[in-house]
Protein backbone atom coordinates (compact mmCIF):
# COMPACT_ATOMS: atom_id res chain seq x y z
CA UNK A 1 -10.84 -20.90 -33.15
CA UNK A 2 -11.60 -21.22 -29.45
CA UNK A 3 -15.24 -21.64 -28.53
CA UNK A 4 -16.69 -18.63 -26.67
CA UNK A 5 -18.37 -20.81 -24.05
CA UNK A 6 -15.03 -22.51 -23.38
CA UNK A 7 -13.44 -19.13 -22.71
CA UNK A 8 -16.29 -18.03 -20.47
CA UNK A 9 -15.96 -21.23 -18.43
CA UNK A 10 -12.23 -20.59 -18.05
CA UNK A 11 -12.87 -17.04 -16.81
CA UNK A 12 -15.27 -18.34 -14.16
CA UNK A 13 -12.78 -20.99 -13.09
CA UNK A 14 -10.15 -18.30 -12.70
CA UNK A 15 -12.48 -16.06 -10.71
CA UNK A 16 -13.30 -18.91 -8.33
CA UNK A 17 -9.74 -20.18 -8.01
CA UNK A 18 -7.68 -19.98 -4.81
CA UNK A 19 -5.35 -17.50 -6.51
CA UNK A 20 -8.11 -14.89 -6.84
CA UNK A 21 -10.06 -15.94 -3.75
CA UNK A 22 -10.95 -12.95 -1.57
CA UNK A 23 -10.01 -10.36 -4.19
CA UNK A 24 -13.40 -9.10 -5.32
CA UNK A 25 -11.92 -6.16 -7.22
CA UNK A 26 -9.63 -8.37 -9.34
CA UNK A 27 -12.47 -10.79 -10.13
CA UNK A 28 -14.65 -7.89 -11.17
CA UNK A 29 -11.89 -6.52 -13.39
CA UNK A 30 -11.25 -9.95 -14.93
CA UNK A 31 -14.91 -10.52 -15.83
CA UNK A 32 -15.26 -7.01 -17.24
CA UNK A 33 -12.25 -7.11 -19.54
CA UNK A 34 -13.07 -10.68 -20.59
CA UNK A 35 -16.59 -9.66 -21.62
CA UNK A 36 -15.17 -6.70 -23.52
CA UNK A 37 -12.67 -8.91 -25.35
CA UNK A 38 -15.38 -11.39 -26.36
CA UNK A 39 -18.01 -8.82 -27.30
CA UNK A 40 -15.67 -6.37 -29.05
CA UNK A 41 -12.73 -8.28 -30.56
CA UNK A 42 -9.75 -6.01 -31.15
CA UNK A 43 -11.31 -2.95 -29.52
CA UNK A 44 -8.99 -1.20 -27.03
CA UNK A 45 -9.90 -0.39 -23.43
CA UNK A 46 -9.03 2.88 -21.71
CA UNK A 47 -8.11 3.43 -18.06
CA UNK A 48 -10.92 5.95 -17.72
CA UNK A 49 -13.50 3.42 -18.91
CA UNK A 50 -12.32 0.79 -16.44
CA UNK A 51 -12.05 3.26 -13.56
CA UNK A 52 -15.57 4.59 -13.97
CA UNK A 53 -17.41 1.40 -15.01
CA UNK A 54 -15.58 -1.18 -12.88
CA UNK A 55 -14.30 0.68 -9.83
CA UNK A 56 -16.95 3.39 -9.57
CA UNK A 57 -14.62 6.37 -9.93
CA UNK A 58 -16.21 9.76 -10.59
CA UNK A 59 -16.45 11.33 -14.03
CA UNK A 60 -13.51 13.60 -13.23
CA UNK A 61 -11.17 10.61 -12.85
CA UNK A 62 -7.66 11.49 -14.03
CA UNK A 63 -5.33 8.52 -14.76
CA UNK A 64 -2.35 10.84 -14.52
CA UNK A 65 -3.17 11.45 -10.86
CA UNK A 66 -4.69 8.12 -9.83
CA UNK A 67 -2.77 5.00 -10.89
CA UNK A 68 -5.32 2.60 -9.40
CA UNK A 69 -6.24 0.95 -12.73
CA UNK A 70 -2.61 0.32 -13.67
CA UNK A 71 -1.90 -1.15 -10.25
CA UNK A 72 -4.92 -3.46 -10.37
CA UNK A 73 -4.08 -4.58 -13.90
CA UNK A 74 -0.55 -5.39 -12.81
CA UNK A 75 -1.84 -7.43 -9.90
CA UNK A 76 -4.24 -9.32 -12.17
CA UNK A 77 -1.45 -10.00 -14.66
CA UNK A 78 0.68 -11.49 -11.88
CA UNK A 79 -2.24 -13.58 -10.56
CA UNK A 80 -2.87 -15.06 -14.01
CA UNK A 81 0.78 -16.05 -14.30
CA UNK A 82 0.66 -17.57 -10.83
CA UNK A 83 -2.47 -19.59 -11.65
CA UNK A 84 -1.15 -21.09 -14.88
CA UNK A 85 2.15 -22.04 -13.26
CA UNK A 86 0.34 -24.15 -10.64
CA UNK A 87 -1.26 -27.57 -10.53
CA UNK A 88 -4.85 -26.24 -10.59
CA UNK A 89 -4.48 -25.27 -14.25
CA UNK A 90 -2.87 -28.52 -15.36
CA UNK A 91 -5.87 -29.67 -17.42
CA UNK A 92 -7.22 -26.29 -18.51
CA UNK A 93 -7.71 -26.09 -22.29
CA UNK A 94 -7.41 -22.29 -22.41
CA UNK A 95 -4.61 -19.91 -21.46
CA UNK A 96 -5.77 -16.39 -20.51
CA UNK A 97 -3.21 -13.58 -20.61
CA UNK A 98 -3.18 -9.83 -20.09
CA UNK A 99 -0.25 -8.52 -22.17
CA UNK A 100 1.72 -5.64 -20.72
CA UNK A 101 0.76 -2.23 -22.01
CA UNK A 102 -2.87 -3.16 -22.70
CA UNK A 103 -6.11 -3.92 -20.91
CA UNK A 104 -7.31 -6.39 -23.55
CA UNK A 105 -7.21 -10.09 -22.67
CA UNK A 106 -5.92 -12.69 -25.08
CA UNK A 107 -6.98 -16.35 -25.16
CA UNK A 108 -4.89 -19.24 -26.46
CA UNK A 109 -5.37 -23.01 -26.80
CA UNK A 110 -3.38 -24.85 -24.18
CA UNK A 111 -2.05 -28.37 -24.09
CA UNK A 112 -3.12 -30.10 -20.85
CA UNK A 113 -0.22 -30.78 -18.52
CA UNK A 114 1.89 -27.77 -19.52
CA UNK A 115 2.77 -24.92 -17.15
CA UNK A 116 2.29 -21.33 -18.27
CA UNK A 117 3.66 -21.52 -21.84
CA UNK A 118 4.45 -18.10 -23.34
CA UNK A 119 1.67 -16.84 -25.58
CA UNK A 120 2.17 -15.40 -29.01
CA UNK A 121 2.96 -11.69 -28.94
CA UNK A 122 0.09 -10.10 -30.79
CA UNK A 123 0.54 -6.55 -29.55
CA UNK A 124 -2.50 -6.72 -27.28
CA UNK A 125 -5.05 -7.71 -29.99
CA UNK A 126 -7.87 -10.09 -29.15
CA UNK A 127 -6.87 -13.27 -30.95
CA UNK A 128 -8.55 -16.55 -30.18
CA UNK A 129 -6.95 -18.36 -33.12
CA UNK A 130 -3.41 -19.64 -32.72
CA UNK A 131 -1.63 -21.54 -35.49
CA UNK A 132 0.16 -24.68 -34.41
CA UNK A 133 3.87 -24.68 -35.19
CA UNK A 134 6.15 -27.68 -35.40
CA UNK A 135 9.08 -27.21 -33.08
CA UNK A 136 12.46 -27.94 -34.65
CA UNK A 137 14.35 -30.89 -33.30
CA UNK A 138 16.66 -29.91 -30.46
CA UNK A 139 20.30 -29.52 -31.47
CA UNK A 140 23.11 -30.99 -29.45
CA UNK A 141 25.01 -28.38 -27.44
CA UNK A 142 28.80 -28.53 -27.86
CA UNK A 143 30.62 -29.76 -24.78
CA UNK A 144 32.57 -26.53 -24.20
CA UNK A 145 29.34 -24.53 -24.22
CA UNK A 146 27.72 -26.96 -21.83
CA UNK A 147 30.63 -26.50 -19.41
CA UNK A 148 30.41 -22.73 -19.71
CA UNK A 149 26.68 -22.80 -19.05
CA UNK A 150 27.24 -25.00 -16.01
CA UNK A 151 29.81 -22.58 -14.57
CA UNK A 152 27.51 -19.63 -15.17
CA UNK A 153 24.66 -21.46 -13.44
CA UNK A 154 26.85 -22.07 -10.37
CA UNK A 155 27.89 -18.41 -10.28
CA UNK A 156 24.28 -17.30 -10.66
CA UNK A 157 23.19 -19.53 -7.79
CA UNK A 158 25.95 -18.07 -5.61
CA UNK A 159 24.86 -14.54 -6.46
CA UNK A 160 21.24 -15.34 -5.65
CA UNK A 161 22.30 -16.82 -2.32
CA UNK A 162 24.22 -13.67 -1.42
CA UNK A 163 21.29 -11.46 -2.47
CA UNK A 164 18.86 -13.53 -0.42
CA UNK A 165 21.08 -13.23 2.64
CA UNK A 166 21.14 -9.46 2.20
CA UNK A 167 17.45 -8.96 1.56
CA UNK A 168 15.94 -11.57 3.88
CA UNK A 169 17.93 -11.83 7.12
CA UNK A 170 16.93 -14.54 9.56
CA UNK A 171 19.00 -13.48 12.54
CA UNK A 172 19.44 -10.24 14.41
CA UNK A 173 23.12 -10.14 13.43
CA UNK A 174 22.18 -10.31 9.76
CA UNK A 175 19.91 -7.27 10.19
CA UNK A 176 22.91 -5.33 11.47
CA UNK A 177 24.92 -6.53 8.48
CA UNK A 178 22.32 -5.14 6.10
CA UNK A 179 22.29 -1.83 7.94
CA UNK A 180 26.07 -1.66 7.65
CA UNK A 181 25.95 -2.30 3.91
CA UNK A 182 23.24 0.31 3.41
CA UNK A 183 25.14 2.74 5.60
CA UNK A 184 22.24 3.31 8.01
CA UNK A 185 21.66 2.50 11.70
CA UNK A 186 20.20 -0.92 12.54
CA UNK A 187 17.15 0.73 14.11
CA UNK A 188 15.84 1.62 10.65
CA UNK A 189 15.92 -1.89 9.23
CA UNK A 190 14.51 -3.25 12.49
CA UNK A 191 11.53 -0.91 12.63
CA UNK A 192 10.73 -0.63 8.90
CA UNK A 193 11.38 -4.27 7.99
CA UNK A 194 7.66 -5.05 7.60
CA UNK A 195 7.35 -2.43 4.87
CA UNK A 196 10.27 -3.75 2.81
CA UNK A 197 9.13 -7.29 2.05
CA UNK A 198 5.76 -6.86 0.33
CA UNK A 199 5.14 -7.61 -3.35
CA UNK A 200 4.61 -3.88 -4.05
CA UNK A 201 5.78 -0.56 -2.67
CA UNK A 202 4.14 0.53 0.60
CA UNK A 203 1.37 3.10 0.25
CA UNK A 204 1.59 6.39 2.12
CA UNK A 205 -1.95 7.76 2.61
CA UNK A 206 -1.97 11.41 3.63
CA UNK A 207 -4.91 13.36 5.01
CA UNK A 208 -7.07 15.08 2.42
CA UNK A 209 -10.18 16.35 4.19
CA UNK A 210 -12.89 18.03 2.07
CA UNK A 211 -13.44 21.76 2.53
CA UNK A 212 -16.21 24.19 1.60
CA UNK A 213 -15.96 27.92 0.96
CA UNK A 214 -13.25 29.85 -0.86
CA UNK A 215 -9.56 30.45 -0.05
CA UNK A 216 -9.90 34.23 -0.45
CA UNK A 217 -12.78 34.64 1.98
CA UNK A 218 -12.32 31.63 4.24
CA UNK A 219 -12.71 27.86 4.11
CA UNK A 220 -14.22 25.38 6.55
CA UNK A 221 -14.47 21.62 6.86
CA UNK A 222 -17.19 20.37 4.56
CA UNK A 223 -20.42 19.40 6.34
CA UNK A 224 -22.84 17.45 4.11
CA UNK A 225 -25.85 18.89 5.94
CA UNK A 226 -24.79 22.51 6.22
CA UNK A 227 -22.89 22.71 2.92
CA UNK A 228 -25.13 20.61 0.66
CA UNK A 229 -24.88 21.87 -2.90
CA UNK A 230 -21.63 23.78 -2.41
CA UNK A 231 -18.55 22.72 -4.37
CA UNK A 232 -16.13 20.55 -2.42
CA UNK A 233 -12.48 21.57 -2.26
CA UNK A 234 -10.57 18.31 -1.87
CA UNK A 235 -7.08 19.40 -2.91
CA UNK A 236 -5.76 20.74 0.41
CA UNK A 237 -3.63 19.17 3.11
CA UNK A 238 -1.59 20.45 6.06
CA UNK A 239 1.98 21.74 6.17
CA UNK A 240 2.89 18.93 8.56
CA UNK A 241 1.60 16.28 6.16
CA UNK A 242 3.68 17.68 3.30
CA UNK A 243 6.87 17.69 5.37
CA UNK A 244 5.99 14.25 6.74
CA UNK A 245 5.81 12.72 3.26
CA UNK A 246 9.17 14.28 2.45
CA UNK A 247 10.65 12.81 5.64
CA UNK A 248 9.34 9.33 4.85
CA UNK A 249 10.63 9.55 1.30
CA UNK A 250 14.13 10.15 2.64
CA UNK A 251 13.87 7.18 5.00
CA UNK A 252 12.74 4.75 2.30
CA UNK A 253 15.32 6.08 -0.15
CA UNK A 254 18.00 5.17 2.40
CA UNK A 255 16.40 1.71 2.66
CA UNK A 256 16.46 1.36 -1.15
CA UNK A 257 12.69 1.12 -1.28
CA UNK A 258 10.22 3.28 -3.20
CA UNK A 259 6.88 4.42 -1.78
CA UNK A 260 3.56 5.26 -3.40
CA UNK A 261 1.83 8.41 -2.17
CA UNK A 262 -1.95 8.63 -2.27
CA UNK A 263 -4.36 11.20 -0.88
CA UNK A 264 -6.95 9.94 1.56
CA UNK A 265 -9.95 10.83 -0.61
CA UNK A 266 -8.79 8.30 -3.23
CA UNK A 267 -8.18 5.49 -0.76
CA UNK A 268 -10.23 2.28 -1.20
CA UNK A 269 -10.83 -0.80 0.91
CA UNK A 270 -8.99 -2.85 -1.69
CA UNK A 271 -5.92 -0.76 -0.91
CA UNK A 272 -6.32 -1.73 2.74
CA UNK A 273 -6.54 -5.42 1.90
CA UNK A 274 -3.69 -5.67 -0.56
CA UNK A 275 -0.97 -3.22 0.48
CA UNK A 276 1.31 -2.20 3.31
CA UNK A 277 -0.06 1.14 4.52
CA UNK A 278 1.28 4.21 6.31
CA UNK A 279 -1.40 6.71 7.30
CA UNK A 280 -0.36 10.33 7.82
CA UNK A 281 -2.96 12.35 9.71
CA UNK A 282 -5.76 11.62 12.18
CA UNK A 283 -9.28 10.36 11.30
CA UNK A 284 -10.58 13.94 11.60
CA UNK A 285 -8.50 14.82 8.52
CA UNK A 286 -7.57 11.44 7.04
CA UNK A 287 -11.17 10.23 6.70
CA UNK A 288 -10.09 6.90 5.17
CA UNK A 289 -9.11 5.79 8.69
CA UNK A 290 -12.80 5.75 9.60
CA UNK A 291 -13.41 2.81 7.24
CA UNK A 292 -10.81 0.38 8.61
CA UNK A 293 -9.70 -0.95 12.00
CA UNK A 294 -7.55 1.63 13.77
CA UNK A 295 -6.20 2.30 17.23
CA UNK A 296 -7.88 0.77 20.27
CA UNK A 297 -6.17 2.32 23.28
CA UNK A 298 -5.68 5.89 22.03
CA UNK A 299 -8.49 7.07 19.79
CA UNK A 300 -9.16 10.45 18.16
CA UNK A 301 -12.39 12.28 18.90
CA UNK A 302 -13.71 15.67 17.87
CA UNK A 303 -14.96 17.84 20.74
CA UNK A 304 -18.58 18.77 20.08
CA UNK A 305 -19.35 21.28 22.84
CA UNK A 306 -17.81 23.84 25.16
CA UNK A 307 -14.98 26.26 24.53
CA UNK A 308 -12.91 23.60 22.75
CA UNK A 309 -15.68 22.71 20.32
CA UNK A 310 -14.31 21.64 16.95
CA UNK A 311 -10.90 20.71 18.38
CA UNK A 312 -9.58 17.16 18.15
CA UNK A 313 -8.45 15.25 21.23
CA UNK A 314 -6.89 11.86 21.91
CA UNK A 315 -8.89 9.69 24.32
CA UNK A 316 -6.94 7.41 26.64
CA UNK A 317 -9.35 4.45 26.73
CA UNK A 318 -7.67 2.70 29.68
CA UNK A 319 -5.63 5.33 31.56
CA UNK A 320 -2.95 4.01 33.88
CA UNK A 321 -1.72 5.59 37.10
CA UNK A 322 -0.61 9.12 36.45
CA UNK A 323 -1.99 9.24 32.90
CA UNK A 324 -4.69 11.74 31.86
CA UNK A 325 -7.95 10.60 30.28
CA UNK A 326 -7.46 12.81 27.26
CA UNK A 327 -4.67 14.64 25.45
CA UNK A 328 -5.37 18.02 23.83
CA UNK A 329 -3.27 20.56 21.93
CA UNK A 330 -3.23 24.28 22.67
CA UNK A 331 -6.69 25.85 22.15
CA UNK A 332 -7.45 27.26 18.72
CA UNK A 333 -7.69 30.80 20.09
CA UNK A 334 -4.10 30.64 21.37
CA UNK A 335 -0.70 30.28 19.76
CA UNK A 336 0.06 26.59 19.24
CA UNK A 337 2.80 25.66 21.69
CA UNK A 338 2.02 22.00 22.36
CA UNK A 339 0.35 19.12 20.60
CA UNK A 340 -0.13 15.39 21.01
CA UNK A 341 0.20 12.63 18.45
CA UNK A 342 -0.15 8.88 18.10
CA UNK A 343 2.34 6.42 16.65
CA UNK A 344 0.68 3.03 16.22
CA UNK A 345 1.45 -0.22 14.45
CA UNK A 346 -1.98 -1.85 14.23
CA UNK A 347 -3.76 -4.90 12.86
CA UNK A 348 -5.55 -3.94 9.67
CA UNK A 349 -7.99 -5.70 7.37
CA UNK A 350 -5.20 -7.98 6.19
CA UNK A 351 -2.99 -9.35 8.96
CA UNK A 352 -0.33 -10.30 6.45
CA UNK A 353 0.27 -6.62 5.68
CA UNK A 354 1.81 -3.89 7.83
CA UNK A 355 -0.21 -0.82 8.84
CA UNK A 356 1.25 2.20 10.61
CA UNK A 357 -0.67 5.26 11.84
CA UNK A 358 1.20 8.54 12.37
CA UNK A 359 -1.20 11.25 13.43
CA UNK A 360 -1.42 14.37 15.58
CA UNK A 361 -4.38 16.37 16.80
CA UNK A 362 -3.04 19.13 14.52
CA UNK A 363 -0.81 19.11 11.47
CA UNK A 364 2.23 19.91 13.66
CA UNK A 365 1.65 16.81 15.76
CA UNK A 366 1.43 14.71 12.62
CA UNK A 367 4.77 16.04 11.40
CA UNK A 368 6.31 15.28 14.80
CA UNK A 369 4.99 11.69 14.77
CA UNK A 370 6.62 10.99 11.41
CA UNK A 371 9.88 12.63 12.47
CA UNK A 372 9.86 10.50 15.63
CA UNK A 373 10.04 7.24 13.62
CA UNK A 374 12.35 8.74 10.98
CA UNK A 375 15.25 9.85 13.18
CA UNK A 376 17.79 7.58 14.77
CA UNK A 377 17.74 8.80 18.38
CA UNK A 378 13.97 8.74 18.85
CA UNK A 379 13.54 5.55 16.84
CA UNK A 380 16.08 3.80 19.04
CA UNK A 381 14.24 5.14 22.09
CA UNK A 382 10.96 3.68 20.84
CA UNK A 383 12.49 0.28 20.08
CA UNK A 384 14.10 0.23 23.52
CA UNK A 385 10.75 0.99 25.21
CA UNK A 386 9.20 -1.81 23.15
CA UNK A 387 12.05 -4.22 24.04
CA UNK A 388 12.64 -4.84 20.32
CA UNK A 389 16.09 -5.78 19.03
CA UNK A 390 15.20 -7.53 15.77
CA UNK A 391 12.33 -7.27 13.26
CA UNK A 392 10.60 -10.45 14.45
CA UNK A 393 10.16 -8.91 17.92
CA UNK A 394 8.13 -5.94 16.65
CA UNK A 395 4.45 -6.47 17.47
CA UNK A 396 1.43 -4.15 17.29
CA UNK A 397 1.72 -1.20 19.66
CA UNK A 398 0.24 2.23 20.32
CA UNK A 399 2.11 5.23 21.71
CA UNK A 400 1.28 8.85 22.55
CA UNK A 401 3.79 11.66 22.05
CA UNK A 402 3.82 15.08 23.67
CA UNK A 403 5.04 17.64 21.15
CA UNK A 404 6.47 21.09 21.87
CA UNK A 405 5.89 23.61 19.10
CA UNK A 406 7.75 26.89 18.52
CA UNK A 407 6.65 29.29 15.78
CA UNK A 408 4.79 26.56 13.94
CA UNK A 409 7.64 24.02 14.12
CA UNK A 410 7.71 20.88 16.29
CA UNK A 411 10.99 21.16 18.21
CA UNK A 412 10.79 18.36 20.80
CA UNK A 413 8.84 15.15 21.41
CA UNK A 414 8.41 13.01 24.49
CA UNK A 415 6.86 9.55 24.68
CA UNK A 416 4.24 9.84 27.44
CA UNK A 417 2.16 6.66 27.07
CA UNK A 418 2.72 3.24 25.51
CA UNK A 419 0.70 0.06 25.01
CA UNK A 420 2.37 -3.12 23.75
CA UNK A 421 0.76 -6.03 21.94
CA UNK A 422 -2.62 -4.36 21.43
């Protein structure tokens, strides 16, 4: 039977290790589920309990809608495996595991000097007692089987080499080769490369601004001062955002990559630190953009006075010759015929992750921004303006698009301002 203090010391060593360094949410999760396993042996843990007690989710948390707990548990499981396969754990007397399909930790005695030995499969039960088993003496492998295994190993290595050359090109020519095999233009693999190499699927965060009022008599943006005490309607988004998500889904399907879609009201700072992110919608609607670094040269601002009060505009922080100081869509009291949007690859909270902002001053501009980076002709135009021919050349940038709208549909876009290397 493992001593409880020994397990607690191991948990603290894990939490302070380089593997979990900087991931406050994973350390918090680890300590919580470890305490539960020690205080309540064999008792299961539910997603709802973890979401509300560890991550501060509201009482109406629905695990069918928000997969945050499952994602964090998966990341913690991978981090534990990484730790015990490294040198830092060489002398640790305890092996801590989080079996798949459960949120209950298991603890096992560990022989110093071994690397991540598989733990006994106990179906997720808390079991600190492991019986020692004598391993049978190794049997000699017949020569013909040894030859067969050797041939298979060579073939496997060749396959892995081919796969690596397909998935991780090092030259511009290899990027074109991948595009040919996928049956898509090279512009797609060049532009979207940064979102195809992360450990998890990129997150698409769409605008989900809170509203007050009722759909049958009229809704308005929720104001905490004016609307205090009224129920918040947080399940609405724009037509452009819906079509934008559909457009991105098609692009990533062609690139053989899945995406995760999350509404802005459920976005957390841990998401910003640990994932590649694509934001759909401006900060006036996608409020999560207010909490992280965003654009620097072209910023969104709500007009607070005058006839355009309540409208959103794009401020040109450093206008160049011939450029206006602000970009505004058609007034709200007129038919929408033009809009402006921003396409920006920016530096986020984690420089090792990619972050793209696709946002208009209205929902139509947002749709146009996504379509601009999802269609071959305009994507090739953007890459040409950026002087980018291979993924390694793509650096942070910010661009403004002028969008023509007909009967509520963006029909044409024009790149009217561009800043490279911001």
